[in-house]
Amino acid sequence: FSLILFYFILSSTLNAEINDKIIKNLKNTKNLDFKFEQNINGKIENGNCTIKYPKKIFCEYARSNNKILVSNGKSLVIKTRTSYYRYPIEKTPLNLILDKNFLINKINNLEARIVDESIINFKILENNNEINIFFDNKTYDLIGWQNKDIYQNFNITFLSAIRKNRVLSENLFKIPLQN
């Protein structure tokens, strides 16, 4: 019995330590830019993104028809040469993913799951959404997420070449005009 109790105490202490390190890292992160690879129902796209907390993102997709994704914190726009979609950000999973205070509050109360000893995963259930958030087990940086988009497409996004707390122009997050 005491061996089982010791295991649970040790396990819970390690989990709290991991959560604390991720929370500290998130609190110290004002923005990040990165390369991404996104798989939506088997269709793979990639490019570069910049996130500025709270809820701002700018992504340029490689080898596409000038596709960009932009959020100014209120609206989310996906624009290509031929199409323009605008959504209130609160209607999208990015509303939660790009809100570091929301993530911090959730992580504070969730149990970390270690995947392949290199990835830390938290499963967040909110407003009928399931979002899996992934962090690096060495740097504690955000390295991806998995969710269903507003069309119920399965979306996995992986981040690489992450740089934090760079000087950014606010114009980067300006919503583009419709074609």
N, C-alpha and C. Protein backbone atom coordinates (compact mmCIF):
# COMPACT_ATOMS: atom_id res chain seq x y z
N PHE A 1 0.82 -1.20 0.00
CA PHE A 1 0.00 0.00 0.00
C PHE A 1 0.86 1.26 0.00
N SER A 2 1.89 1.29 0.83
CA SER A 2 2.75 2.48 0.91
C SER A 2 3.52 2.69 -0.40
N LEU A 3 3.86 1.61 -1.10
CA LEU A 3 4.53 1.72 -2.40
C LEU A 3 3.60 2.38 -3.43
N ILE A 4 2.36 1.98 -3.43
CA ILE A 4 1.37 2.57 -4.35
C ILE A 4 1.17 4.05 -4.01
N LEU A 5 1.05 4.37 -2.73
CA LEU A 5 0.89 5.74 -2.29
C LEU A 5 2.10 6.59 -2.71
N PHE A 6 3.31 6.04 -2.53
CA PHE A 6 4.53 6.73 -2.93
C PHE A 6 4.53 7.02 -4.43
N TYR A 7 4.10 6.04 -5.24
CA TYR A 7 4.04 6.21 -6.69
C TYR A 7 3.10 7.36 -7.07
N PHE A 8 1.91 7.41 -6.45
CA PHE A 8 0.95 8.47 -6.76
C PHE A 8 1.47 9.84 -6.34
N ILE A 9 2.13 9.91 -5.20
CA ILE A 9 2.69 11.18 -4.74
C ILE A 9 3.80 11.64 -5.69
N LEU A 10 4.69 10.73 -6.08
CA LEU A 10 5.78 11.05 -7.00
C LEU A 10 5.22 11.47 -8.36
N SER A 11 4.26 10.73 -8.85
CA SER A 11 3.65 11.02 -10.15
C SER A 11 2.98 12.39 -10.13
N SER A 12 2.25 12.69 -9.09
CA SER A 12 1.57 13.97 -8.99
C SER A 12 2.56 15.12 -8.82
N THR A 13 3.67 14.91 -8.13
CA THR A 13 4.70 15.93 -7.98
C THR A 13 5.37 16.22 -9.31
N LEU A 14 5.70 15.18 -10.09
CA LEU A 14 6.31 15.36 -11.40
C LEU A 14 5.36 16.08 -12.34
N ASN A 15 4.08 15.73 -12.31
CA ASN A 15 3.09 16.38 -13.16
C ASN A 15 2.97 17.86 -12.81
N ALA A 16 2.94 18.19 -11.54
CA ALA A 16 2.85 19.59 -11.11
C ALA A 16 4.09 20.36 -11.55
N GLU A 17 5.24 19.72 -11.50
CA GLU A 17 6.49 20.35 -11.92
C GLU A 17 6.47 20.67 -13.42
N ILE A 18 6.01 19.72 -14.22
CA ILE A 18 5.90 19.92 -15.67
C ILE A 18 4.93 21.06 -15.96
N ASN A 19 3.77 21.01 -15.34
CA ASN A 19 2.76 22.06 -15.54
C ASN A 19 3.32 23.43 -15.17
N ASP A 20 4.03 23.52 -14.04
CA ASP A 20 4.61 24.79 -13.60
C ASP A 20 5.62 25.33 -14.61
N LYS A 21 6.44 24.46 -15.18
CA LYS A 21 7.45 24.90 -16.16
C LYS A 21 6.78 25.39 -17.45
N ILE A 22 5.75 24.70 -17.89
CA ILE A 22 5.03 25.14 -19.09
C ILE A 22 4.33 26.46 -18.83
N ILE A 23 3.69 26.60 -17.69
CA ILE A 23 3.00 27.84 -17.34
C ILE A 23 3.98 29.01 -17.26
N LYS A 24 5.12 28.79 -16.64
CA LYS A 24 6.14 29.84 -16.53
C LYS A 24 6.61 30.25 -17.92
N ASN A 25 6.84 29.28 -18.79
CA ASN A 25 7.27 29.56 -20.16
C ASN A 25 6.21 30.35 -20.91
N LEU A 26 4.93 29.94 -20.79
CA LEU A 26 3.85 30.67 -21.45
C LEU A 26 3.75 32.11 -20.94
N LYS A 27 3.86 32.28 -19.63
CA LYS A 27 3.77 33.63 -19.06
C LYS A 27 4.87 34.54 -19.60
N ASN A 28 6.05 33.96 -19.88
CA ASN A 28 7.18 34.74 -20.37
C ASN A 28 7.18 34.92 -21.89
N THR A 29 6.20 34.35 -22.56
CA THR A 29 6.13 34.43 -24.02
C THR A 29 5.10 35.48 -24.43
N LYS A 30 5.58 36.54 -25.08
CA LYS A 30 4.68 37.59 -25.58
C LYS A 30 4.26 37.28 -27.01
N ASN A 31 5.18 36.68 -27.77
CA ASN A 31 4.90 36.32 -29.15
C ASN A 31 5.85 35.22 -29.58
N LEU A 32 5.51 34.57 -30.68
CA LEU A 32 6.41 33.57 -31.24
C LEU A 32 6.19 33.48 -32.74
N ASP A 33 7.27 33.20 -33.45
CA ASP A 33 7.10 32.92 -34.87
C ASP A 33 7.74 31.57 -35.15
N PHE A 34 7.26 30.92 -36.20
CA PHE A 34 7.64 29.54 -36.43
C PHE A 34 7.27 29.11 -37.85
N LYS A 35 7.87 28.01 -38.25
CA LYS A 35 7.44 27.31 -39.45
C LYS A 35 6.36 26.33 -39.01
N PHE A 36 5.41 26.05 -39.90
CA PHE A 36 4.37 25.10 -39.52
C PHE A 36 4.11 24.12 -40.65
N GLU A 37 3.61 22.96 -40.23
CA GLU A 37 3.05 21.99 -41.16
C GLU A 37 1.68 21.65 -40.63
N GLN A 38 0.69 21.76 -41.51
CA GLN A 38 -0.70 21.57 -41.11
C GLN A 38 -1.30 20.46 -41.97
N ASN A 39 -1.94 19.52 -41.29
CA ASN A 39 -2.61 18.41 -41.98
C ASN A 39 -4.09 18.53 -41.67
N ILE A 40 -4.87 18.84 -42.70
CA ILE A 40 -6.33 18.93 -42.55
C ILE A 40 -6.94 17.83 -43.39
N ASN A 41 -7.46 16.80 -42.70
CA ASN A 41 -8.06 15.64 -43.38
C ASN A 41 -7.15 15.07 -44.47
N GLY A 42 -5.83 15.00 -44.18
CA GLY A 42 -4.89 14.40 -45.12
C GLY A 42 -4.27 15.36 -46.11
N LYS A 43 -4.78 16.59 -46.21
CA LYS A 43 -4.19 17.60 -47.09
C LYS A 43 -3.14 18.37 -46.29
N ILE A 44 -1.89 18.31 -46.76
CA ILE A 44 -0.79 18.93 -46.01
C ILE A 44 -0.40 20.26 -46.63
N GLU A 45 -0.34 21.28 -45.78
CA GLU A 45 0.13 22.60 -46.18
C GLU A 45 1.18 23.04 -45.18
N ASN A 46 2.04 23.97 -45.59
CA ASN A 46 3.04 24.49 -44.67
C ASN A 46 3.31 25.95 -44.97
N GLY A 47 4.07 26.56 -44.07
CA GLY A 47 4.39 27.97 -44.23
C GLY A 47 5.00 28.53 -42.96
N ASN A 48 4.80 29.82 -42.75
CA ASN A 48 5.34 30.52 -41.59
C ASN A 48 4.22 31.28 -40.89
N CYS A 49 4.30 31.32 -39.56
CA CYS A 49 3.30 32.02 -38.76
C CYS A 49 3.97 32.86 -37.68
N THR A 50 3.23 33.85 -37.25
CA THR A 50 3.59 34.64 -36.07
C THR A 50 2.35 34.72 -35.20
N ILE A 51 2.53 34.44 -33.92
CA ILE A 51 1.46 34.58 -32.93
C ILE A 51 1.86 35.69 -31.97
N LYS A 52 0.92 36.57 -31.69
CA LYS A 52 1.11 37.57 -30.64
C LYS A 52 -0.07 37.41 -29.69
N TYR A 53 0.24 37.15 -28.43
CA TYR A 53 -0.83 36.98 -27.45
C TYR A 53 -1.38 38.32 -27.05
N PRO A 54 -2.70 38.44 -26.83
CA PRO A 54 -3.70 37.40 -26.99
C PRO A 54 -4.36 37.42 -28.38
N LYS A 55 -4.55 36.26 -28.93
CA LYS A 55 -5.45 35.97 -30.05
C LYS A 55 -5.08 36.58 -31.40
N LYS A 56 -3.82 36.96 -31.59
CA LYS A 56 -3.41 37.48 -32.88
C LYS A 56 -2.51 36.47 -33.57
N ILE A 57 -2.73 36.31 -34.88
CA ILE A 57 -1.91 35.38 -35.65
C ILE A 57 -1.83 35.88 -37.10
N PHE A 58 -0.69 35.66 -37.71
CA PHE A 58 -0.51 35.91 -39.14
C PHE A 58 0.25 34.72 -39.71
N CYS A 59 -0.33 34.07 -40.73
CA CYS A 59 0.31 32.92 -41.37
C CYS A 59 0.34 33.12 -42.88
N GLU A 60 1.49 32.83 -43.46
CA GLU A 60 1.63 32.79 -44.92
C GLU A 60 1.90 31.35 -45.30
N TYR A 61 1.11 30.85 -46.23
CA TYR A 61 1.25 29.47 -46.68
C TYR A 61 2.20 29.41 -47.86
N ALA A 62 3.08 28.42 -47.86
CA ALA A 62 4.02 28.21 -48.96
C ALA A 62 3.31 27.52 -50.12
N ARG A 63 3.81 27.74 -51.32
CA ARG A 63 3.32 27.06 -52.52
C ARG A 63 1.80 27.04 -52.64
N SER A 64 1.18 28.13 -52.28
CA SER A 64 -0.27 28.19 -52.43
C SER A 64 -0.60 29.41 -53.28
N ASN A 65 -1.85 29.64 -53.49
CA ASN A 65 -2.25 30.81 -54.28
C ASN A 65 -2.36 32.03 -53.37
N ASN A 66 -1.21 32.39 -52.78
CA ASN A 66 -1.09 33.55 -51.88
C ASN A 66 -2.01 33.45 -50.66
N LYS A 67 -2.15 32.27 -50.12
CA LYS A 67 -3.03 32.07 -48.97
C LYS A 67 -2.40 32.66 -47.72
N ILE A 68 -3.21 33.44 -46.99
CA ILE A 68 -2.81 33.94 -45.68
C ILE A 68 -3.95 33.70 -44.71
N LEU A 69 -3.61 33.63 -43.44
CA LEU A 69 -4.57 33.53 -42.34
C LEU A 69 -4.18 34.63 -41.37
N VAL A 70 -5.13 35.48 -41.00
CA VAL A 70 -4.84 36.61 -40.12
C VAL A 70 -5.94 36.75 -39.07
N SER A 71 -5.52 36.97 -37.84
CA SER A 71 -6.46 37.35 -36.78
C SER A 71 -5.92 38.60 -36.10
N ASN A 72 -6.81 39.57 -35.92
CA ASN A 72 -6.46 40.78 -35.18
C ASN A 72 -6.92 40.70 -33.72
N GLY A 73 -7.35 39.52 -33.32
CA GLY A 73 -7.85 39.33 -31.96
C GLY A 73 -9.37 39.30 -31.88
N LYS A 74 -10.02 39.80 -32.93
CA LYS A 74 -11.48 39.82 -32.98
C LYS A 74 -12.01 39.01 -34.15
N SER A 75 -11.41 39.21 -35.32
CA SER A 75 -11.83 38.52 -36.54
C SER A 75 -10.70 37.64 -37.05
N LEU A 76 -11.09 36.57 -37.74
CA LEU A 76 -10.13 35.67 -38.39
C LEU A 76 -10.45 35.68 -39.87
N VAL A 77 -9.45 35.95 -40.69
CA VAL A 77 -9.62 35.98 -42.14
C VAL A 77 -8.69 34.96 -42.77
N ILE A 78 -9.24 34.21 -43.72
CA ILE A 78 -8.46 33.34 -44.59
C ILE A 78 -8.65 33.88 -46.00
N LYS A 79 -7.55 34.28 -46.62
CA LYS A 79 -7.62 34.93 -47.92
C LYS A 79 -6.68 34.24 -48.90
N THR A 80 -7.17 34.01 -50.11
CA THR A 80 -6.35 33.54 -51.22
C THR A 80 -6.58 34.51 -52.39
N ARG A 81 -5.97 34.22 -53.54
CA ARG A 81 -6.22 35.06 -54.72
C ARG A 81 -7.69 35.05 -55.10
N THR A 82 -8.36 33.93 -54.87
CA THR A 82 -9.72 33.78 -55.37
C THR A 82 -10.80 33.73 -54.29
N SER A 83 -10.43 33.68 -53.02
CA SER A 83 -11.46 33.57 -51.99
C SER A 83 -11.10 34.42 -50.76
N TYR A 84 -12.14 34.73 -49.99
CA TYR A 84 -11.99 35.54 -48.79
C TYR A 84 -13.04 35.07 -47.79
N TYR A 85 -12.59 34.58 -46.65
CA TYR A 85 -13.50 34.12 -45.60
C TYR A 85 -13.18 34.89 -44.32
N ARG A 86 -14.21 35.39 -43.68
CA ARG A 86 -14.03 36.14 -42.42
C ARG A 86 -14.96 35.55 -41.37
N TYR A 87 -14.41 35.30 -40.19
CA TYR A 87 -15.15 34.69 -39.09
C TYR A 87 -14.89 35.48 -37.81
N PRO A 88 -15.86 35.54 -36.91
CA PRO A 88 -15.54 36.03 -35.56
C PRO A 88 -14.61 35.00 -34.91
N ILE A 89 -13.52 35.44 -34.33
CA ILE A 89 -12.54 34.48 -33.79
C ILE A 89 -13.15 33.60 -32.72
N GLU A 90 -14.13 34.11 -31.96
CA GLU A 90 -14.71 33.29 -30.88
C GLU A 90 -15.49 32.09 -31.42
N LYS A 91 -15.75 32.06 -32.72
CA LYS A 91 -16.44 30.91 -33.32
C LYS A 91 -15.45 29.84 -33.79
N THR A 92 -14.16 30.08 -33.58
CA THR A 92 -13.13 29.14 -34.06
C THR A 92 -12.32 28.58 -32.89
N PRO A 93 -11.70 27.41 -33.06
CA PRO A 93 -10.82 26.87 -32.01
C PRO A 93 -9.60 27.75 -31.73
N LEU A 94 -9.19 28.57 -32.71
CA LEU A 94 -8.05 29.46 -32.47
C LEU A 94 -8.33 30.46 -31.37
N ASN A 95 -9.59 30.74 -31.11
CA ASN A 95 -9.96 31.62 -30.00
C ASN A 95 -9.37 31.10 -28.68
N LEU A 96 -9.35 29.80 -28.52
CA LEU A 96 -8.82 29.18 -27.30
C LEU A 96 -7.31 28.95 -27.42
N ILE A 97 -6.86 28.47 -28.57
CA ILE A 97 -5.45 28.14 -28.77
C ILE A 97 -4.57 29.38 -28.66
N LEU A 98 -5.07 30.53 -29.11
CA LEU A 98 -4.28 31.77 -29.11
C LEU A 98 -4.47 32.60 -27.84
N ASP A 99 -5.17 32.06 -26.87
CA ASP A 99 -5.41 32.76 -25.61
C ASP A 99 -4.54 32.12 -24.53
N LYS A 100 -3.36 32.69 -24.29
CA LYS A 100 -2.44 32.03 -23.35
C LYS A 100 -2.98 32.02 -21.93
N ASN A 101 -3.79 33.01 -21.53
CA ASN A 101 -4.36 32.97 -20.17
C ASN A 101 -5.34 31.81 -20.03
N PHE A 102 -6.12 31.55 -21.09
CA PHE A 102 -7.00 30.38 -21.09
C PHE A 102 -6.17 29.11 -20.98
N LEU A 103 -5.10 29.01 -21.77
CA LEU A 103 -4.24 27.82 -21.73
C LEU A 103 -3.62 27.64 -20.34
N ILE A 104 -3.14 28.71 -19.76
CA ILE A 104 -2.52 28.64 -18.43
C ILE A 104 -3.53 28.14 -17.41
N ASN A 105 -4.75 28.69 -17.43
CA ASN A 105 -5.78 28.24 -16.48
C ASN A 105 -6.12 26.77 -16.67
N LYS A 106 -6.21 26.33 -17.92
CA LYS A 106 -6.53 24.93 -18.19
C LYS A 106 -5.38 24.01 -17.76
N ILE A 107 -4.17 24.36 -18.15
CA ILE A 107 -3.00 23.52 -17.84
C ILE A 107 -2.83 23.40 -16.33
N ASN A 108 -3.13 24.46 -15.62
CA ASN A 108 -3.03 24.46 -14.16
C ASN A 108 -3.88 23.36 -13.53
N ASN A 109 -4.97 22.98 -14.22
CA ASN A 109 -5.90 22.00 -13.66
C ASN A 109 -5.93 20.67 -14.40
N LEU A 110 -5.03 20.49 -15.36
CA LEU A 110 -5.02 19.25 -16.15
C LEU A 110 -3.79 18.42 -15.83
N GLU A 111 -3.89 17.16 -16.16
CA GLU A 111 -2.75 16.27 -15.99
C GLU A 111 -2.02 16.15 -17.32
N ALA A 112 -0.72 16.35 -17.27
CA ALA A 112 0.11 16.23 -18.47
C ALA A 112 0.24 14.76 -18.86
N ARG A 113 0.29 14.54 -20.16
CA ARG A 113 0.53 13.19 -20.68
C ARG A 113 1.80 13.26 -21.51
N ILE A 114 2.78 12.43 -21.18
CA ILE A 114 4.05 12.41 -21.91
C ILE A 114 3.91 11.44 -23.08
N VAL A 115 4.27 11.91 -24.28
CA VAL A 115 4.20 11.10 -25.49
C VAL A 115 5.62 10.92 -26.01
N ASP A 116 6.06 9.69 -26.16
CA ASP A 116 7.40 9.37 -26.68
C ASP A 116 8.53 10.09 -25.95
N GLU A 117 8.35 10.40 -24.71
CA GLU A 117 9.34 11.06 -23.85
C GLU A 117 9.77 12.44 -24.33
N SER A 118 9.24 12.91 -25.47
CA SER A 118 9.68 14.20 -25.99
C SER A 118 8.55 15.23 -26.10
N ILE A 119 7.32 14.77 -25.99
CA ILE A 119 6.17 15.65 -26.17
C ILE A 119 5.27 15.58 -24.94
N ILE A 120 4.82 16.75 -24.49
CA ILE A 120 3.85 16.84 -23.41
C ILE A 120 2.52 17.23 -24.03
N ASN A 121 1.48 16.49 -23.69
CA ASN A 121 0.15 16.71 -24.27
C ASN A 121 -0.86 17.03 -23.18
N PHE A 122 -1.71 18.01 -23.46
CA PHE A 122 -2.85 18.32 -22.62
C PHE A 122 -4.10 18.25 -23.49
N LYS A 123 -5.11 17.54 -23.02
CA LYS A 123 -6.38 17.47 -23.72
C LYS A 123 -7.34 18.45 -23.05
N ILE A 124 -7.82 19.40 -23.83
CA ILE A 124 -8.73 20.43 -23.32
C ILE A 124 -10.10 20.20 -23.93
N LEU A 125 -11.09 20.11 -23.08
CA LEU A 125 -12.48 19.99 -23.52
C LEU A 125 -13.19 21.28 -23.15
N GLU A 126 -13.67 22.00 -24.16
CA GLU A 126 -14.29 23.31 -23.91
C GLU A 126 -15.32 23.58 -25.00
N ASN A 127 -16.53 23.96 -24.61
CA ASN A 127 -17.58 24.35 -25.57
C ASN A 127 -17.76 23.33 -26.69
N ASN A 128 -17.88 22.08 -26.33
CA ASN A 128 -18.04 20.98 -27.31
C ASN A 128 -16.85 20.85 -28.26
N ASN A 129 -15.71 21.40 -27.89
CA ASN A 129 -14.48 21.26 -28.66
C ASN A 129 -13.49 20.42 -27.87
N GLU A 130 -12.77 19.56 -28.57
CA GLU A 130 -11.64 18.86 -27.97
C GLU A 130 -10.40 19.37 -28.67
N ILE A 131 -9.50 19.95 -27.88
CA ILE A 131 -8.26 20.48 -28.42
C ILE A 131 -7.11 19.82 -27.68
N ASN A 132 -6.20 19.24 -28.43
CA ASN A 132 -4.98 18.70 -27.86
C ASN A 132 -3.86 19.70 -28.12
N ILE A 133 -3.20 20.11 -27.06
CA ILE A 133 -2.10 21.06 -27.15
C ILE A 133 -0.81 20.31 -26.83
N PHE A 134 0.24 20.57 -27.62
CA PHE A 134 1.50 19.85 -27.46
C PHE A 134 2.64 20.81 -27.14
N PHE A 135 3.48 20.40 -26.18
CA PHE A 135 4.65 21.17 -25.78
C PHE A 135 5.89 20.28 -25.84
N ASP A 136 7.03 20.91 -26.09
CA ASP A 136 8.30 20.19 -26.10
C ASP A 136 8.69 19.85 -24.66
N ASN A 137 9.14 18.62 -24.43
CA ASN A 137 9.47 18.17 -23.07
C ASN A 137 10.80 18.71 -22.56
N LYS A 138 11.60 19.36 -23.41
CA LYS A 138 12.86 19.95 -22.96
C LYS A 138 12.77 21.47 -22.82
N THR A 139 12.18 22.12 -23.83
CA THR A 139 12.10 23.59 -23.82
C THR A 139 10.79 24.11 -23.23
N TYR A 140 9.78 23.25 -23.17
CA TYR A 140 8.44 23.60 -22.70
C TYR A 140 7.74 24.59 -23.64
N ASP A 141 8.22 24.68 -24.89
CA ASP A 141 7.60 25.53 -25.89
C ASP A 141 6.40 24.84 -26.50
N LEU A 142 5.42 25.64 -26.91
CA LEU A 142 4.29 25.15 -27.69
C LEU A 142 4.83 24.62 -29.01
N ILE A 143 4.48 23.36 -29.35
CA ILE A 143 4.97 22.79 -30.61
C ILE A 143 3.85 22.26 -31.49
N GLY A 144 2.58 22.50 -31.08
CA GLY A 144 1.50 22.10 -31.97
C GLY A 144 0.17 21.95 -31.28
N TRP A 145 -0.84 21.66 -32.12
CA TRP A 145 -2.18 21.42 -31.61
C TRP A 145 -2.95 20.55 -32.59
N GLN A 146 -4.01 19.98 -32.07
CA GLN A 146 -4.89 19.10 -32.85
C GLN A 146 -6.31 19.44 -32.46
N ASN A 147 -7.16 19.64 -33.45
CA ASN A 147 -8.55 20.00 -33.18
C ASN A 147 -9.39 19.75 -34.42
N LYS A 148 -10.67 20.03 -34.30
CA LYS A 148 -11.55 20.07 -35.47
C LYS A 148 -11.84 21.53 -35.75
N ASP A 149 -11.77 21.90 -37.04
CA ASP A 149 -12.02 23.29 -37.38
C ASP A 149 -13.52 23.57 -37.43
N ILE A 150 -13.89 24.78 -37.84
CA ILE A 150 -15.30 25.14 -37.81
C ILE A 150 -16.15 24.34 -38.79
N TYR A 151 -15.50 23.66 -39.76
CA TYR A 151 -16.22 22.78 -40.69
C TYR A 151 -16.14 21.32 -40.26
N GLN A 152 -15.65 21.08 -39.05
CA GLN A 152 -15.48 19.74 -38.48
C GLN A 152 -14.42 18.92 -39.21
N ASN A 153 -13.47 19.61 -39.86
CA ASN A 153 -12.32 18.93 -40.44
C ASN A 153 -11.29 18.69 -39.36
N PHE A 154 -10.66 17.52 -39.38
CA PHE A 154 -9.62 17.17 -38.42
C PHE A 154 -8.34 17.90 -38.80
N ASN A 155 -7.78 18.65 -37.88
CA ASN A 155 -6.66 19.54 -38.14
C ASN A 155 -5.53 19.24 -37.16
N ILE A 156 -4.34 18.96 -37.70
CA ILE A 156 -3.14 18.78 -36.87
C ILE A 156 -2.12 19.80 -37.34
N THR A 157 -1.59 20.60 -36.43
CA THR A 157 -0.60 21.62 -36.77
C THR A 157 0.66 21.37 -35.95
N PHE A 158 1.80 21.25 -36.63
CA PHE A 158 3.10 21.06 -35.98
C PHE A 158 3.94 22.32 -36.18
N LEU A 159 4.62 22.77 -35.13
CA LEU A 159 5.47 23.96 -35.18
C LEU A 159 6.93 23.56 -35.14
N SER A 160 7.79 24.30 -35.86
CA SER A 160 9.23 24.07 -35.80
C SER A 160 9.94 25.42 -35.97
N ALA A 161 11.24 25.44 -35.75
CA ALA A 161 12.06 26.66 -35.86
C ALA A 161 11.40 27.82 -35.10
N ILE A 162 11.07 27.56 -33.85
CA ILE A 162 10.34 28.51 -33.01
C ILE A 162 11.28 29.59 -32.48
N ARG A 163 10.86 30.85 -32.63
CA ARG A 163 11.58 32.00 -32.06
C ARG A 163 10.58 32.79 -31.23
N LYS A 164 11.03 33.28 -30.07
CA LYS A 164 10.10 33.94 -29.14
C LYS A 164 10.51 35.39 -28.88
N ASN A 165 9.47 36.18 -28.56
CA ASN A 165 9.62 37.54 -28.05
C ASN A 165 10.46 38.44 -28.96
N ARG A 166 10.09 38.43 -30.23
CA ARG A 166 10.75 39.30 -31.21
C ARG A 166 9.98 40.62 -31.31
N VAL A 167 10.61 41.63 -31.86
CA VAL A 167 9.93 42.91 -32.09
C VAL A 167 9.03 42.73 -33.31
N LEU A 168 7.74 43.03 -33.14
CA LEU A 168 6.77 42.84 -34.21
C LEU A 168 6.06 44.15 -34.54
N SER A 169 5.64 44.27 -35.78
CA SER A 169 4.82 45.40 -36.20
C SER A 169 3.35 45.03 -35.99
N GLU A 170 2.58 45.96 -35.42
CA GLU A 170 1.14 45.73 -35.25
C GLU A 170 0.44 45.58 -36.59
N ASN A 171 1.01 46.19 -37.65
CA ASN A 171 0.42 46.09 -38.98
C ASN A 171 0.36 44.65 -39.48
N LEU A 172 1.20 43.79 -38.93
CA LEU A 172 1.22 42.39 -39.34
C LEU A 172 -0.15 41.74 -39.13
N PHE A 173 -0.87 42.16 -38.11
CA PHE A 173 -2.14 41.54 -37.73
C PHE A 173 -3.35 42.33 -38.23
N LYS A 174 -3.12 43.22 -39.20
CA LYS A 174 -4.19 44.00 -39.78
C LYS A 174 -4.98 43.13 -40.74
N ILE A 175 -6.30 43.14 -40.60
CA ILE A 175 -7.17 42.32 -41.45
C ILE A 175 -7.08 42.83 -42.89
N PRO A 176 -6.76 41.94 -43.84
CA PRO A 176 -6.67 42.37 -45.24
C PRO A 176 -8.05 42.67 -45.82
N LEU A 177 -8.06 43.52 -46.82
CA LEU A 177 -9.32 43.85 -47.49
C LEU A 177 -9.75 42.70 -48.38
N GLN A 178 -11.04 42.62 -48.60
CA GLN A 178 -11.59 41.60 -49.49
C GLN A 178 -11.17 41.90 -50.92
N ASN A 179 -10.97 40.84 -51.73
CA ASN A 179 -10.53 41.02 -53.13
C ASN A 179 -11.45 41.92 -53.91
